[in-house]
Amino acid sequence: MELLVYAVLGLGATWILYIGYMNVATRAAEGRSAAPLSAVFPEIGKVGKALVYCYSPMCGPCRPMSREVDSLIDDGAPVYKLDISEHPETSRELGIRATPTLVLVENGSIARMVLGVKMAEFMRDLLGDQRTAS
């Protein structure tokens, strides 16, 4: 029984350290140039603020988030979808370590990176859009 407790505590500690590492890693990308995205999305430089949704078709959590992203795109929000399996070099240059990841681009640089599934309202808030999700 003690072994089971230690195993569960060890797994819990490992998960917490992993989450901490991912948060530190995403913060390290902030402030860097978003130039790698210009090769994939040339129009991203013409928009003052844009959101890039990094996903993989094999990612389970990405599926429901993709619907949220598609609704934002349909509403005309400056949101772009980057399939990391089609653009591995771009995702590597950006430092994408997991999917789904949101990259907020402002004035040609990475302003913020956010990991995990987010709803459309959160993404609108990132973009500074005051409309609420319907």
N, C-alpha and C. Protein backbone atom coordinates (compact mmCIF):
# COMPACT_ATOMS: atom_id res chain seq x y z
N MET A 1 0.82 -1.20 0.00
CA MET A 1 0.00 0.00 0.00
C MET A 1 0.87 1.26 0.00
N GLU A 2 1.97 1.24 0.78
CA GLU A 2 2.85 2.41 0.82
C GLU A 2 3.44 2.69 -0.55
N LEU A 3 3.78 1.65 -1.29
CA LEU A 3 4.34 1.82 -2.62
C LEU A 3 3.36 2.55 -3.54
N LEU A 4 2.09 2.21 -3.44
CA LEU A 4 1.07 2.87 -4.25
C LEU A 4 0.99 4.35 -3.91
N VAL A 5 1.04 4.68 -2.63
CA VAL A 5 0.98 6.08 -2.19
C VAL A 5 2.18 6.84 -2.75
N TYR A 6 3.38 6.25 -2.65
CA TYR A 6 4.57 6.90 -3.17
C TYR A 6 4.50 7.08 -4.69
N ALA A 7 3.96 6.08 -5.37
CA ALA A 7 3.82 6.18 -6.83
C ALA A 7 2.87 7.30 -7.21
N VAL A 8 1.75 7.40 -6.53
CA VAL A 8 0.78 8.46 -6.82
C VAL A 8 1.38 9.83 -6.50
N LEU A 9 2.05 9.95 -5.36
CA LEU A 9 2.70 11.23 -5.01
C LEU A 9 3.79 11.59 -6.01
N GLY A 10 4.55 10.58 -6.46
CA GLY A 10 5.60 10.83 -7.45
C GLY A 10 5.04 11.29 -8.77
N LEU A 11 3.97 10.65 -9.21
CA LEU A 11 3.32 11.07 -10.45
C LEU A 11 2.74 12.48 -10.34
N GLY A 12 2.13 12.76 -9.20
CA GLY A 12 1.58 14.10 -8.97
C GLY A 12 2.67 15.16 -9.00
N ALA A 13 3.79 14.89 -8.34
CA ALA A 13 4.90 15.84 -8.32
C ALA A 13 5.48 16.02 -9.72
N THR A 14 5.59 14.93 -10.47
CA THR A 14 6.11 15.01 -11.83
C THR A 14 5.19 15.87 -12.70
N TRP A 15 3.89 15.69 -12.56
CA TRP A 15 2.92 16.47 -13.34
C TRP A 15 3.03 17.95 -12.99
N ILE A 16 3.14 18.28 -11.73
CA ILE A 16 3.25 19.68 -11.30
C ILE A 16 4.53 20.30 -11.86
N LEU A 17 5.63 19.56 -11.82
CA LEU A 17 6.89 20.07 -12.38
C LEU A 17 6.79 20.27 -13.89
N TYR A 18 6.11 19.36 -14.56
CA TYR A 18 5.93 19.48 -16.01
C TYR A 18 5.12 20.73 -16.35
N ILE A 19 4.05 20.95 -15.64
CA ILE A 19 3.22 22.14 -15.88
C ILE A 19 4.04 23.40 -15.62
N GLY A 20 4.81 23.40 -14.55
CA GLY A 20 5.68 24.55 -14.25
C GLY A 20 6.69 24.79 -15.35
N TYR A 21 7.30 23.73 -15.85
CA TYR A 21 8.27 23.85 -16.95
C TYR A 21 7.60 24.43 -18.19
N MET A 22 6.42 23.94 -18.54
CA MET A 22 5.73 24.43 -19.73
C MET A 22 5.39 25.92 -19.60
N ASN A 23 5.00 26.35 -18.41
CA ASN A 23 4.69 27.77 -18.22
C ASN A 23 5.94 28.62 -18.36
N VAL A 24 7.05 28.18 -17.81
CA VAL A 24 8.31 28.91 -17.94
C VAL A 24 8.76 28.94 -19.40
N ALA A 25 8.63 27.82 -20.10
CA ALA A 25 9.04 27.74 -21.49
C ALA A 25 8.22 28.68 -22.38
N THR A 26 6.93 28.80 -22.12
CA THR A 26 6.12 29.70 -22.93
C THR A 26 6.45 31.15 -22.64
N ARG A 27 6.75 31.47 -21.40
CA ARG A 27 7.14 32.85 -21.05
C ARG A 27 8.44 33.23 -21.72
N ALA A 28 9.33 32.26 -21.95
CA ALA A 28 10.62 32.55 -22.57
C ALA A 28 10.45 33.02 -24.02
N ALA A 29 9.38 32.60 -24.68
CA ALA A 29 9.15 32.98 -26.08
C ALA A 29 8.61 34.40 -26.20
N GLU A 30 8.03 34.91 -25.15
CA GLU A 30 7.40 36.23 -25.23
C GLU A 30 8.46 37.31 -25.46
N GLY A 31 8.15 38.21 -26.38
CA GLY A 31 9.07 39.29 -26.72
C GLY A 31 9.93 38.97 -27.94
N ARG A 32 9.96 37.71 -28.34
CA ARG A 32 10.74 37.36 -29.52
C ARG A 32 9.99 37.74 -30.79
N SER A 33 10.74 37.79 -31.88
CA SER A 33 10.16 38.14 -33.16
C SER A 33 9.20 37.06 -33.64
N ALA A 34 8.13 37.49 -34.28
CA ALA A 34 7.15 36.55 -34.85
C ALA A 34 7.42 36.34 -36.33
N ALA A 35 8.65 36.63 -36.77
CA ALA A 35 9.01 36.50 -38.18
C ALA A 35 8.76 35.11 -38.76
N PRO A 36 8.98 34.02 -38.01
CA PRO A 36 8.69 32.71 -38.61
C PRO A 36 7.23 32.57 -39.07
N LEU A 37 6.34 33.28 -38.44
CA LEU A 37 4.92 33.21 -38.83
C LEU A 37 4.65 33.96 -40.13
N SER A 38 5.47 34.96 -40.44
CA SER A 38 5.27 35.74 -41.66
C SER A 38 5.45 34.89 -42.91
N ALA A 39 6.29 33.86 -42.83
CA ALA A 39 6.48 32.97 -43.97
C ALA A 39 5.21 32.16 -44.26
N VAL A 40 4.49 31.81 -43.20
CA VAL A 40 3.27 31.01 -43.35
C VAL A 40 2.06 31.90 -43.58
N PHE A 41 1.99 33.01 -42.86
CA PHE A 41 0.88 33.95 -42.95
C PHE A 41 1.41 35.34 -43.29
N PRO A 42 1.63 35.65 -44.57
CA PRO A 42 2.20 36.95 -44.94
C PRO A 42 1.36 38.15 -44.47
N GLU A 43 0.05 37.95 -44.35
CA GLU A 43 -0.84 39.05 -43.96
C GLU A 43 -0.77 39.37 -42.47
N ILE A 44 -0.09 38.54 -41.68
CA ILE A 44 -0.07 38.75 -40.23
C ILE A 44 0.67 40.04 -39.87
N GLY A 45 1.58 40.47 -40.71
CA GLY A 45 2.31 41.71 -40.45
C GLY A 45 1.47 42.95 -40.68
N LYS A 46 0.37 42.82 -41.40
CA LYS A 46 -0.49 43.96 -41.70
C LYS A 46 -1.51 44.23 -40.60
N VAL A 47 -1.63 43.29 -39.66
CA VAL A 47 -2.60 43.42 -38.57
C VAL A 47 -1.81 43.78 -37.31
N GLY A 48 -2.28 44.76 -36.56
CA GLY A 48 -1.58 45.16 -35.34
C GLY A 48 -1.54 44.07 -34.29
N LYS A 49 -2.64 43.34 -34.17
CA LYS A 49 -2.74 42.29 -33.16
C LYS A 49 -3.46 41.10 -33.78
N ALA A 50 -2.86 39.91 -33.63
CA ALA A 50 -3.46 38.70 -34.20
C ALA A 50 -3.20 37.53 -33.26
N LEU A 51 -4.00 36.50 -33.43
CA LEU A 51 -3.89 35.31 -32.62
C LEU A 51 -3.61 34.13 -33.55
N VAL A 52 -2.59 33.34 -33.21
CA VAL A 52 -2.26 32.15 -33.99
C VAL A 52 -2.57 30.93 -33.13
N TYR A 53 -3.42 30.08 -33.65
CA TYR A 53 -3.82 28.86 -32.96
C TYR A 53 -2.97 27.72 -33.50
N CYS A 54 -2.10 27.18 -32.66
CA CYS A 54 -1.22 26.07 -33.04
C CYS A 54 -1.87 24.77 -32.59
N TYR A 55 -2.07 23.87 -33.54
CA TYR A 55 -2.78 22.63 -33.25
C TYR A 55 -2.18 21.49 -34.06
N SER A 56 -2.63 20.30 -33.76
CA SER A 56 -2.28 19.11 -34.52
C SER A 56 -3.55 18.32 -34.77
N PRO A 57 -3.72 17.76 -35.96
CA PRO A 57 -4.93 16.98 -36.23
C PRO A 57 -5.07 15.76 -35.32
N MET A 58 -3.96 15.27 -34.76
CA MET A 58 -4.00 14.10 -33.89
C MET A 58 -4.25 14.47 -32.43
N CYS A 59 -4.36 15.74 -32.13
CA CYS A 59 -4.53 16.22 -30.75
C CYS A 59 -6.01 16.16 -30.36
N GLY A 60 -6.33 15.35 -29.36
CA GLY A 60 -7.71 15.23 -28.89
C GLY A 60 -8.27 16.53 -28.34
N PRO A 61 -7.56 17.22 -27.43
CA PRO A 61 -8.08 18.47 -26.89
C PRO A 61 -8.23 19.59 -27.94
N CYS A 62 -7.51 19.46 -29.06
CA CYS A 62 -7.59 20.49 -30.09
C CYS A 62 -8.93 20.48 -30.83
N ARG A 63 -9.57 19.34 -30.87
CA ARG A 63 -10.81 19.22 -31.67
C ARG A 63 -11.91 20.18 -31.21
N PRO A 64 -12.27 20.20 -29.91
CA PRO A 64 -13.31 21.15 -29.52
C PRO A 64 -12.84 22.60 -29.62
N MET A 65 -11.56 22.82 -29.38
CA MET A 65 -11.04 24.19 -29.47
C MET A 65 -11.05 24.67 -30.92
N SER A 66 -10.85 23.76 -31.86
CA SER A 66 -10.87 24.14 -33.28
C SER A 66 -12.22 24.72 -33.68
N ARG A 67 -13.28 24.18 -33.11
CA ARG A 67 -14.62 24.72 -33.40
C ARG A 67 -14.74 26.15 -32.88
N GLU A 68 -14.18 26.40 -31.70
CA GLU A 68 -14.20 27.76 -31.13
C GLU A 68 -13.40 28.72 -32.02
N VAL A 69 -12.25 28.27 -32.48
CA VAL A 69 -11.40 29.09 -33.34
C VAL A 69 -12.11 29.37 -34.66
N ASP A 70 -12.73 28.35 -35.23
CA ASP A 70 -13.46 28.54 -36.48
C ASP A 70 -14.58 29.56 -36.33
N SER A 71 -15.26 29.57 -35.18
CA SER A 71 -16.32 30.57 -34.97
C SER A 71 -15.74 31.98 -34.92
N LEU A 72 -14.56 32.13 -34.34
CA LEU A 72 -13.92 33.44 -34.31
C LEU A 72 -13.52 33.89 -35.72
N ILE A 73 -12.97 32.96 -36.48
CA ILE A 73 -12.57 33.28 -37.85
C ILE A 73 -13.80 33.67 -38.67
N ASP A 74 -14.91 32.94 -38.49
CA ASP A 74 -16.16 33.28 -39.20
C ASP A 74 -16.67 34.66 -38.82
N ASP A 75 -16.39 35.10 -37.58
CA ASP A 75 -16.79 36.44 -37.13
C ASP A 75 -15.84 37.53 -37.62
N GLY A 76 -14.77 37.14 -38.30
CA GLY A 76 -13.83 38.13 -38.85
C GLY A 76 -12.69 38.50 -37.92
N ALA A 77 -12.49 37.75 -36.85
CA ALA A 77 -11.39 38.04 -35.92
C ALA A 77 -10.06 37.68 -36.59
N PRO A 78 -9.00 38.43 -36.27
CA PRO A 78 -7.68 38.13 -36.84
C PRO A 78 -7.04 36.90 -36.18
N VAL A 79 -7.56 35.73 -36.52
CA VAL A 79 -7.10 34.47 -35.95
C VAL A 79 -6.62 33.59 -37.10
N TYR A 80 -5.46 32.98 -36.91
CA TYR A 80 -4.87 32.12 -37.92
C TYR A 80 -4.62 30.75 -37.32
N LYS A 81 -4.75 29.71 -38.15
CA LYS A 81 -4.57 28.34 -37.69
C LYS A 81 -3.26 27.80 -38.25
N LEU A 82 -2.40 27.30 -37.35
CA LEU A 82 -1.12 26.73 -37.75
C LEU A 82 -1.10 25.26 -37.37
N ASP A 83 -1.16 24.41 -38.38
CA ASP A 83 -1.07 22.96 -38.18
C ASP A 83 0.42 22.64 -38.02
N ILE A 84 0.83 22.28 -36.80
CA ILE A 84 2.26 22.07 -36.55
C ILE A 84 2.81 20.85 -37.28
N SER A 85 1.95 19.92 -37.69
CA SER A 85 2.43 18.77 -38.43
C SER A 85 2.78 19.15 -39.88
N GLU A 86 2.16 20.20 -40.40
CA GLU A 86 2.48 20.69 -41.74
C GLU A 86 3.62 21.70 -41.72
N HIS A 87 3.85 22.34 -40.58
CA HIS A 87 4.89 23.38 -40.45
C HIS A 87 5.76 23.12 -39.23
N PRO A 88 6.48 21.97 -39.20
CA PRO A 88 7.28 21.65 -38.01
C PRO A 88 8.42 22.64 -37.76
N GLU A 89 9.01 23.16 -38.83
CA GLU A 89 10.11 24.10 -38.65
C GLU A 89 9.64 25.42 -38.03
N THR A 90 8.48 25.87 -38.43
CA THR A 90 7.93 27.10 -37.86
C THR A 90 7.59 26.90 -36.40
N SER A 91 6.96 25.79 -36.06
CA SER A 91 6.61 25.53 -34.66
C SER A 91 7.87 25.38 -33.81
N ARG A 92 8.91 24.79 -34.37
CA ARG A 92 10.17 24.65 -33.63
C ARG A 92 10.80 26.02 -33.38
N GLU A 93 10.80 26.87 -34.40
CA GLU A 93 11.37 28.23 -34.25
C GLU A 93 10.59 29.05 -33.22
N LEU A 94 9.29 28.84 -33.15
CA LEU A 94 8.46 29.57 -32.19
C LEU A 94 8.58 29.00 -30.78
N GLY A 95 9.02 27.77 -30.67
CA GLY A 95 9.12 27.13 -29.37
C GLY A 95 7.83 26.47 -28.92
N ILE A 96 7.02 26.02 -29.87
CA ILE A 96 5.77 25.33 -29.53
C ILE A 96 6.13 23.95 -29.01
N ARG A 97 5.76 23.66 -27.77
CA ARG A 97 6.11 22.38 -27.15
C ARG A 97 4.92 21.46 -26.94
N ALA A 98 3.72 21.99 -27.08
CA ALA A 98 2.51 21.20 -26.87
C ALA A 98 1.36 21.86 -27.62
N THR A 99 0.33 21.07 -27.88
CA THR A 99 -0.87 21.62 -28.50
C THR A 99 -2.06 21.32 -27.61
N PRO A 100 -3.04 22.17 -27.62
CA PRO A 100 -3.15 23.43 -28.35
C PRO A 100 -2.37 24.56 -27.66
N THR A 101 -1.85 25.45 -28.47
CA THR A 101 -1.14 26.63 -27.98
C THR A 101 -1.65 27.84 -28.75
N LEU A 102 -1.89 28.92 -28.04
CA LEU A 102 -2.25 30.19 -28.66
C LEU A 102 -1.05 31.11 -28.60
N VAL A 103 -0.78 31.79 -29.71
CA VAL A 103 0.31 32.76 -29.76
C VAL A 103 -0.30 34.11 -30.12
N LEU A 104 -0.17 35.06 -29.21
CA LEU A 104 -0.67 36.41 -29.46
C LEU A 104 0.47 37.22 -30.06
N VAL A 105 0.24 37.73 -31.26
CA VAL A 105 1.25 38.51 -31.97
C VAL A 105 0.80 39.98 -31.97
N GLU A 106 1.70 40.84 -31.49
CA GLU A 106 1.43 42.28 -31.50
C GLU A 106 2.63 42.99 -32.11
N ASN A 107 2.36 43.77 -33.14
CA ASN A 107 3.39 44.57 -33.79
C ASN A 107 4.64 43.77 -34.14
N GLY A 108 4.45 42.59 -34.68
CA GLY A 108 5.55 41.78 -35.17
C GLY A 108 6.32 40.97 -34.15
N SER A 109 5.87 40.97 -32.90
CA SER A 109 6.55 40.14 -31.90
C SER A 109 5.54 39.33 -31.10
N ILE A 110 6.04 38.31 -30.44
CA ILE A 110 5.18 37.44 -29.64
C ILE A 110 4.91 38.14 -28.31
N ALA A 111 3.66 38.49 -28.10
CA ALA A 111 3.27 39.18 -26.87
C ALA A 111 2.94 38.19 -25.76
N ARG A 112 2.38 37.05 -26.15
CA ARG A 112 1.97 36.08 -25.13
C ARG A 112 1.77 34.72 -25.77
N MET A 113 2.08 33.68 -25.00
CA MET A 113 1.79 32.30 -25.41
C MET A 113 0.96 31.67 -24.31
N VAL A 114 -0.08 30.96 -24.71
CA VAL A 114 -0.99 30.34 -23.75
C VAL A 114 -1.19 28.88 -24.15
N LEU A 115 -0.97 27.99 -23.21
CA LEU A 115 -1.16 26.55 -23.44
C LEU A 115 -2.53 26.10 -22.99
N GLY A 116 -3.03 25.07 -23.64
CA GLY A 116 -4.26 24.44 -23.19
C GLY A 116 -5.50 24.91 -23.92
N VAL A 117 -6.57 24.17 -23.69
CA VAL A 117 -7.85 24.46 -24.34
C VAL A 117 -8.45 25.74 -23.75
N LYS A 118 -8.84 26.64 -24.63
CA LYS A 118 -9.47 27.90 -24.24
C LYS A 118 -10.74 28.09 -25.05
N MET A 119 -11.66 28.81 -24.48
CA MET A 119 -12.93 29.08 -25.16
C MET A 119 -12.84 30.38 -25.96
N ALA A 120 -13.80 30.60 -26.84
CA ALA A 120 -13.80 31.77 -27.71
C ALA A 120 -13.77 33.07 -26.92
N GLU A 121 -14.46 33.12 -25.80
CA GLU A 121 -14.48 34.35 -24.99
C GLU A 121 -13.08 34.70 -24.50
N PHE A 122 -12.31 33.72 -24.06
CA PHE A 122 -10.94 33.96 -23.62
C PHE A 122 -10.10 34.50 -24.77
N MET A 123 -10.27 33.92 -25.97
CA MET A 123 -9.50 34.36 -27.13
C MET A 123 -9.89 35.78 -27.54
N ARG A 124 -11.17 36.11 -27.43
CA ARG A 124 -11.59 37.49 -27.72
C ARG A 124 -10.96 38.46 -26.72
N ASP A 125 -10.91 38.05 -25.47
CA ASP A 125 -10.27 38.90 -24.46
C ASP A 125 -8.79 39.12 -24.77
N LEU A 126 -8.11 38.08 -25.23
CA LEU A 126 -6.71 38.22 -25.62
C LEU A 126 -6.54 39.25 -26.74
N LEU A 127 -7.46 39.21 -27.67
CA LEU A 127 -7.41 40.14 -28.80
C LEU A 127 -7.89 41.53 -28.43
N GLY A 128 -8.50 41.66 -27.26
CA GLY A 128 -9.01 42.97 -26.85
C GLY A 128 -10.38 43.26 -27.40
N ASP A 129 -11.06 42.25 -27.89
CA ASP A 129 -12.41 42.38 -28.45
C ASP A 129 -13.40 42.37 -27.29
N GLN A 130 -14.21 43.38 -27.19
CA GLN A 130 -15.15 43.51 -26.07
C GLN A 130 -16.44 42.74 -26.27
N ARG A 131 -16.64 42.16 -27.46
CA ARG A 131 -17.86 41.37 -27.67
C ARG A 131 -17.79 40.11 -26.84
N THR A 132 -18.92 39.62 -26.41
CA THR A 132 -18.95 38.37 -25.66
C THR A 132 -19.40 37.24 -26.56
N ALA A 133 -19.02 36.05 -26.17
CA ALA A 133 -19.41 34.87 -26.96
C ALA A 133 -20.90 34.66 -26.86
N SER A 134 -21.53 34.32 -28.00
CA SER A 134 -22.98 34.08 -27.96
C SER A 134 -23.25 32.62 -27.86
